[in-house]
Amino acid sequence: MLYAIISEDVNDSLERRLSARPDHLARLEMLRDEGRLVLAGPYPAIDSEDPGEAGFTGSLVVAEFDDLESAQAWADADPYMIAGVYAKVTVKPFKKILP
């Protein structure tokens, strides 16, 4: 089943994000390579593809996991979580309708 992992950053998270980004991306690439990743990306803090120093306010990952517990465990082990980038992470079942 698909799960949405909705993350909200702490204030001024950019430096922490940049530091943990390689490890964070490596985990997402593993999901992609396993054919389990639907989409992933951050929420820019301003209306721009490249928010620069404004940074980001959170992230969204939609991926396939065996169950909610597995999705939550994956989210809890995210390098951004460990580095203190995220203030809050919510994991919910997700049903894709379109496209």
N, C-alpha and C. Protein backbone atom coordinates (compact mmCIF):
# COMPACT_ATOMS: atom_id res chain seq x y z
N MET A 1 0.84 -1.17 0.00
CA MET A 1 0.00 0.00 0.00
C MET A 1 0.88 1.24 0.00
N LEU A 2 0.32 2.34 -0.51
CA LEU A 2 1.05 3.60 -0.51
C LEU A 2 0.83 4.34 0.81
N TYR A 3 1.87 5.11 1.19
CA TYR A 3 1.81 5.93 2.39
C TYR A 3 2.39 7.29 2.07
N ALA A 4 1.76 8.33 2.62
CA ALA A 4 2.26 9.70 2.52
C ALA A 4 3.02 10.01 3.81
N ILE A 5 4.24 10.47 3.64
CA ILE A 5 5.06 10.89 4.78
C ILE A 5 5.18 12.41 4.66
N ILE A 6 4.49 13.10 5.56
CA ILE A 6 4.36 14.55 5.51
C ILE A 6 5.19 15.13 6.65
N SER A 7 6.24 15.86 6.29
CA SER A 7 7.18 16.35 7.29
C SER A 7 7.18 17.87 7.34
N GLU A 8 7.29 18.39 8.55
CA GLU A 8 7.37 19.84 8.76
C GLU A 8 8.72 20.16 9.40
N ASP A 9 9.42 21.12 8.82
CA ASP A 9 10.74 21.50 9.31
C ASP A 9 10.67 22.36 10.57
N VAL A 10 11.76 22.32 11.33
CA VAL A 10 11.98 23.30 12.38
C VAL A 10 12.30 24.63 11.71
N ASN A 11 12.27 25.72 12.45
CA ASN A 11 12.67 27.01 11.89
C ASN A 11 14.15 26.99 11.54
N ASP A 12 14.51 27.69 10.49
CA ASP A 12 15.91 27.82 10.08
C ASP A 12 16.59 26.46 9.89
N SER A 13 15.95 25.60 9.14
CA SER A 13 16.44 24.23 8.95
C SER A 13 17.46 24.07 7.83
N LEU A 14 17.68 25.11 7.02
CA LEU A 14 18.45 24.95 5.79
C LEU A 14 19.84 24.35 6.02
N GLU A 15 20.58 24.85 6.99
CA GLU A 15 21.93 24.34 7.22
C GLU A 15 21.90 22.85 7.59
N ARG A 16 20.96 22.46 8.42
CA ARG A 16 20.82 21.05 8.80
C ARG A 16 20.43 20.20 7.59
N ARG A 17 19.52 20.75 6.77
CA ARG A 17 19.09 20.04 5.56
C ARG A 17 20.28 19.77 4.65
N LEU A 18 21.06 20.81 4.41
CA LEU A 18 22.19 20.66 3.49
C LEU A 18 23.19 19.64 4.00
N SER A 19 23.40 19.60 5.30
CA SER A 19 24.35 18.66 5.90
C SER A 19 23.87 17.21 5.75
N ALA A 20 22.59 16.97 5.96
CA ALA A 20 22.05 15.60 5.93
C ALA A 20 21.54 15.18 4.55
N ARG A 21 21.51 16.09 3.59
CA ARG A 21 20.89 15.83 2.29
C ARG A 21 21.45 14.61 1.55
N PRO A 22 22.77 14.42 1.47
CA PRO A 22 23.27 13.24 0.74
C PRO A 22 22.71 11.92 1.27
N ASP A 23 22.68 11.76 2.58
CA ASP A 23 22.16 10.52 3.17
C ASP A 23 20.64 10.41 2.97
N HIS A 24 19.96 11.54 3.08
CA HIS A 24 18.51 11.57 2.86
C HIS A 24 18.19 11.13 1.42
N LEU A 25 18.90 11.70 0.46
CA LEU A 25 18.66 11.35 -0.95
C LEU A 25 19.01 9.90 -1.24
N ALA A 26 20.05 9.39 -0.62
CA ALA A 26 20.45 7.99 -0.85
C ALA A 26 19.32 7.04 -0.46
N ARG A 27 18.63 7.32 0.64
CA ARG A 27 17.51 6.46 1.07
C ARG A 27 16.35 6.56 0.08
N LEU A 28 16.08 7.77 -0.41
CA LEU A 28 15.01 7.94 -1.40
C LEU A 28 15.37 7.22 -2.70
N GLU A 29 16.63 7.29 -3.09
CA GLU A 29 17.07 6.60 -4.31
C GLU A 29 16.92 5.09 -4.17
N MET A 30 17.11 4.56 -2.98
CA MET A 30 16.90 3.13 -2.76
C MET A 30 15.43 2.77 -2.98
N LEU A 31 14.53 3.59 -2.44
CA LEU A 31 13.10 3.35 -2.68
C LEU A 31 12.79 3.40 -4.17
N ARG A 32 13.35 4.40 -4.84
CA ARG A 32 13.14 4.53 -6.29
C ARG A 32 13.65 3.29 -7.03
N ASP A 33 14.85 2.86 -6.71
CA ASP A 33 15.45 1.72 -7.39
C ASP A 33 14.68 0.43 -7.14
N GLU A 34 13.98 0.35 -6.01
CA GLU A 34 13.14 -0.80 -5.69
C GLU A 34 11.75 -0.68 -6.32
N GLY A 35 11.48 0.44 -7.01
CA GLY A 35 10.19 0.66 -7.65
C GLY A 35 9.08 1.02 -6.67
N ARG A 36 9.45 1.52 -5.50
CA ARG A 36 8.46 1.82 -4.45
C ARG A 36 8.16 3.30 -4.28
N LEU A 37 8.95 4.17 -4.90
CA LEU A 37 8.79 5.61 -4.72
C LEU A 37 7.86 6.18 -5.79
N VAL A 38 6.80 6.87 -5.35
CA VAL A 38 5.88 7.55 -6.27
C VAL A 38 6.36 8.97 -6.51
N LEU A 39 6.67 9.69 -5.44
CA LEU A 39 7.20 11.05 -5.55
C LEU A 39 7.82 11.47 -4.24
N ALA A 40 8.71 12.45 -4.33
CA ALA A 40 9.36 12.98 -3.13
C ALA A 40 9.87 14.38 -3.44
N GLY A 41 9.77 15.25 -2.46
CA GLY A 41 10.32 16.58 -2.63
C GLY A 41 9.99 17.48 -1.46
N PRO A 42 10.68 18.64 -1.43
CA PRO A 42 10.48 19.59 -0.34
C PRO A 42 9.43 20.66 -0.68
N TYR A 43 8.99 21.35 0.37
CA TYR A 43 8.12 22.51 0.22
C TYR A 43 8.99 23.76 0.32
N PRO A 44 9.18 24.50 -0.79
CA PRO A 44 9.95 25.75 -0.70
C PRO A 44 9.25 26.74 0.24
N ALA A 45 10.05 27.49 0.99
CA ALA A 45 9.50 28.46 1.94
C ALA A 45 8.90 29.67 1.24
N ILE A 46 9.31 29.89 -0.02
CA ILE A 46 8.75 30.97 -0.83
C ILE A 46 8.32 30.40 -2.17
N ASP A 47 7.57 31.16 -2.91
CA ASP A 47 7.03 30.71 -4.20
C ASP A 47 8.12 30.75 -5.26
N SER A 48 9.02 29.75 -5.20
CA SER A 48 10.15 29.70 -6.11
C SER A 48 10.68 28.28 -6.18
N GLU A 49 11.10 27.86 -7.36
CA GLU A 49 11.74 26.54 -7.52
C GLU A 49 13.03 26.48 -6.70
N ASP A 50 13.74 27.60 -6.63
CA ASP A 50 14.98 27.67 -5.87
C ASP A 50 14.84 28.77 -4.82
N PRO A 51 14.42 28.41 -3.61
CA PRO A 51 14.17 29.43 -2.59
C PRO A 51 15.42 30.03 -1.96
N GLY A 52 16.61 29.55 -2.35
CA GLY A 52 17.84 30.10 -1.81
C GLY A 52 17.88 30.03 -0.30
N GLU A 53 18.29 31.13 0.32
CA GLU A 53 18.44 31.15 1.78
C GLU A 53 17.11 31.07 2.52
N ALA A 54 15.98 31.27 1.82
CA ALA A 54 14.67 31.12 2.48
C ALA A 54 14.45 29.67 2.90
N GLY A 55 15.06 28.75 2.15
CA GLY A 55 15.00 27.34 2.51
C GLY A 55 13.65 26.68 2.27
N PHE A 56 13.35 25.72 3.11
CA PHE A 56 12.17 24.88 2.93
C PHE A 56 11.40 24.76 4.25
N THR A 57 10.13 24.41 4.13
CA THR A 57 9.29 24.28 5.33
C THR A 57 8.92 22.84 5.65
N GLY A 58 9.32 21.92 4.80
CA GLY A 58 8.99 20.52 5.03
C GLY A 58 9.18 19.71 3.77
N SER A 59 8.68 18.48 3.80
CA SER A 59 8.84 17.56 2.68
C SER A 59 7.64 16.64 2.57
N LEU A 60 7.49 16.06 1.38
CA LEU A 60 6.47 15.05 1.14
C LEU A 60 7.11 13.87 0.43
N VAL A 61 6.85 12.68 0.94
CA VAL A 61 7.26 11.44 0.28
C VAL A 61 6.01 10.58 0.17
N VAL A 62 5.77 10.05 -1.03
CA VAL A 62 4.71 9.05 -1.22
C VAL A 62 5.40 7.81 -1.75
N ALA A 63 5.29 6.72 -1.00
CA ALA A 63 5.99 5.49 -1.36
C ALA A 63 5.21 4.28 -0.87
N GLU A 64 5.59 3.13 -1.42
CA GLU A 64 4.94 1.87 -1.06
C GLU A 64 5.69 1.20 0.09
N PHE A 65 4.92 0.77 1.09
CA PHE A 65 5.45 0.01 2.22
C PHE A 65 4.50 -1.14 2.49
N ASP A 66 4.96 -2.14 3.23
CA ASP A 66 4.13 -3.29 3.56
C ASP A 66 2.95 -2.92 4.46
N ASP A 67 3.19 -1.97 5.36
CA ASP A 67 2.15 -1.57 6.30
C ASP A 67 2.52 -0.24 6.93
N LEU A 68 1.61 0.30 7.72
CA LEU A 68 1.82 1.59 8.36
C LEU A 68 3.03 1.57 9.29
N GLU A 69 3.21 0.49 10.02
CA GLU A 69 4.36 0.39 10.93
C GLU A 69 5.68 0.47 10.17
N SER A 70 5.76 -0.18 9.01
CA SER A 70 6.97 -0.13 8.20
C SER A 70 7.23 1.28 7.67
N ALA A 71 6.18 1.94 7.24
CA ALA A 71 6.31 3.31 6.75
C ALA A 71 6.76 4.24 7.88
N GLN A 72 6.18 4.07 9.06
CA GLN A 72 6.56 4.91 10.20
C GLN A 72 8.01 4.65 10.60
N ALA A 73 8.43 3.41 10.60
CA ALA A 73 9.81 3.08 10.95
C ALA A 73 10.78 3.69 9.95
N TRP A 74 10.43 3.64 8.67
CA TRP A 74 11.27 4.25 7.63
C TRP A 74 11.37 5.76 7.87
N ALA A 75 10.24 6.40 8.15
CA ALA A 75 10.23 7.84 8.39
C ALA A 75 11.05 8.19 9.64
N ASP A 76 10.94 7.40 10.68
CA ASP A 76 11.66 7.68 11.93
C ASP A 76 13.17 7.59 11.75
N ALA A 77 13.63 6.80 10.78
CA ALA A 77 15.06 6.61 10.55
C ALA A 77 15.62 7.57 9.50
N ASP A 78 14.80 8.50 9.01
CA ASP A 78 15.25 9.44 7.99
C ASP A 78 16.40 10.30 8.53
N PRO A 79 17.47 10.47 7.76
CA PRO A 79 18.57 11.32 8.20
C PRO A 79 18.13 12.75 8.57
N TYR A 80 17.10 13.26 7.92
CA TYR A 80 16.60 14.59 8.30
C TYR A 80 16.00 14.56 9.70
N MET A 81 15.35 13.49 10.06
CA MET A 81 14.79 13.36 11.40
C MET A 81 15.93 13.30 12.42
N ILE A 82 16.92 12.49 12.13
CA ILE A 82 18.06 12.32 13.03
C ILE A 82 18.85 13.62 13.18
N ALA A 83 18.95 14.40 12.10
CA ALA A 83 19.71 15.66 12.13
C ALA A 83 18.92 16.82 12.73
N GLY A 84 17.67 16.59 13.08
CA GLY A 84 16.88 17.65 13.69
C GLY A 84 16.27 18.62 12.69
N VAL A 85 16.15 18.20 11.43
CA VAL A 85 15.52 19.04 10.41
C VAL A 85 14.01 19.10 10.63
N TYR A 86 13.42 17.98 10.97
CA TYR A 86 11.97 17.90 11.09
C TYR A 86 11.50 18.14 12.52
N ALA A 87 10.48 18.98 12.64
CA ALA A 87 9.81 19.21 13.91
C ALA A 87 8.69 18.20 14.10
N LYS A 88 8.07 17.79 12.99
CA LYS A 88 6.91 16.89 13.05
C LYS A 88 6.85 16.07 11.77
N VAL A 89 6.52 14.79 11.92
CA VAL A 89 6.33 13.90 10.77
C VAL A 89 5.03 13.13 10.97
N THR A 90 4.19 13.17 9.94
CA THR A 90 2.94 12.44 9.96
C THR A 90 2.97 11.41 8.84
N VAL A 91 2.60 10.18 9.16
CA VAL A 91 2.56 9.11 8.16
C VAL A 91 1.11 8.65 8.05
N LYS A 92 0.60 8.66 6.81
CA LYS A 92 -0.80 8.29 6.58
C LYS A 92 -0.90 7.35 5.38
N PRO A 93 -1.85 6.41 5.42
CA PRO A 93 -2.13 5.63 4.22
C PRO A 93 -2.58 6.57 3.11
N PHE A 94 -2.24 6.23 1.88
CA PHE A 94 -2.55 7.09 0.74
C PHE A 94 -3.11 6.21 -0.39
N LYS A 95 -4.18 6.66 -0.98
CA LYS A 95 -4.79 5.94 -2.11
C LYS A 95 -4.67 6.82 -3.35
N LYS A 96 -3.85 6.38 -4.29
CA LYS A 96 -3.66 7.13 -5.53
C LYS A 96 -4.84 6.89 -6.46
N ILE A 97 -5.42 7.97 -6.94
CA ILE A 97 -6.53 7.89 -7.90
C ILE A 97 -6.07 8.34 -9.28
N LEU A 98 -5.42 9.48 -9.37
CA LEU A 98 -4.96 10.03 -10.65
C LEU A 98 -3.51 10.45 -10.54
N PRO A 99 -2.75 10.53 -11.57
CA PRO A 99 -3.05 9.98 -12.89
C PRO A 99 -2.92 8.48 -12.89
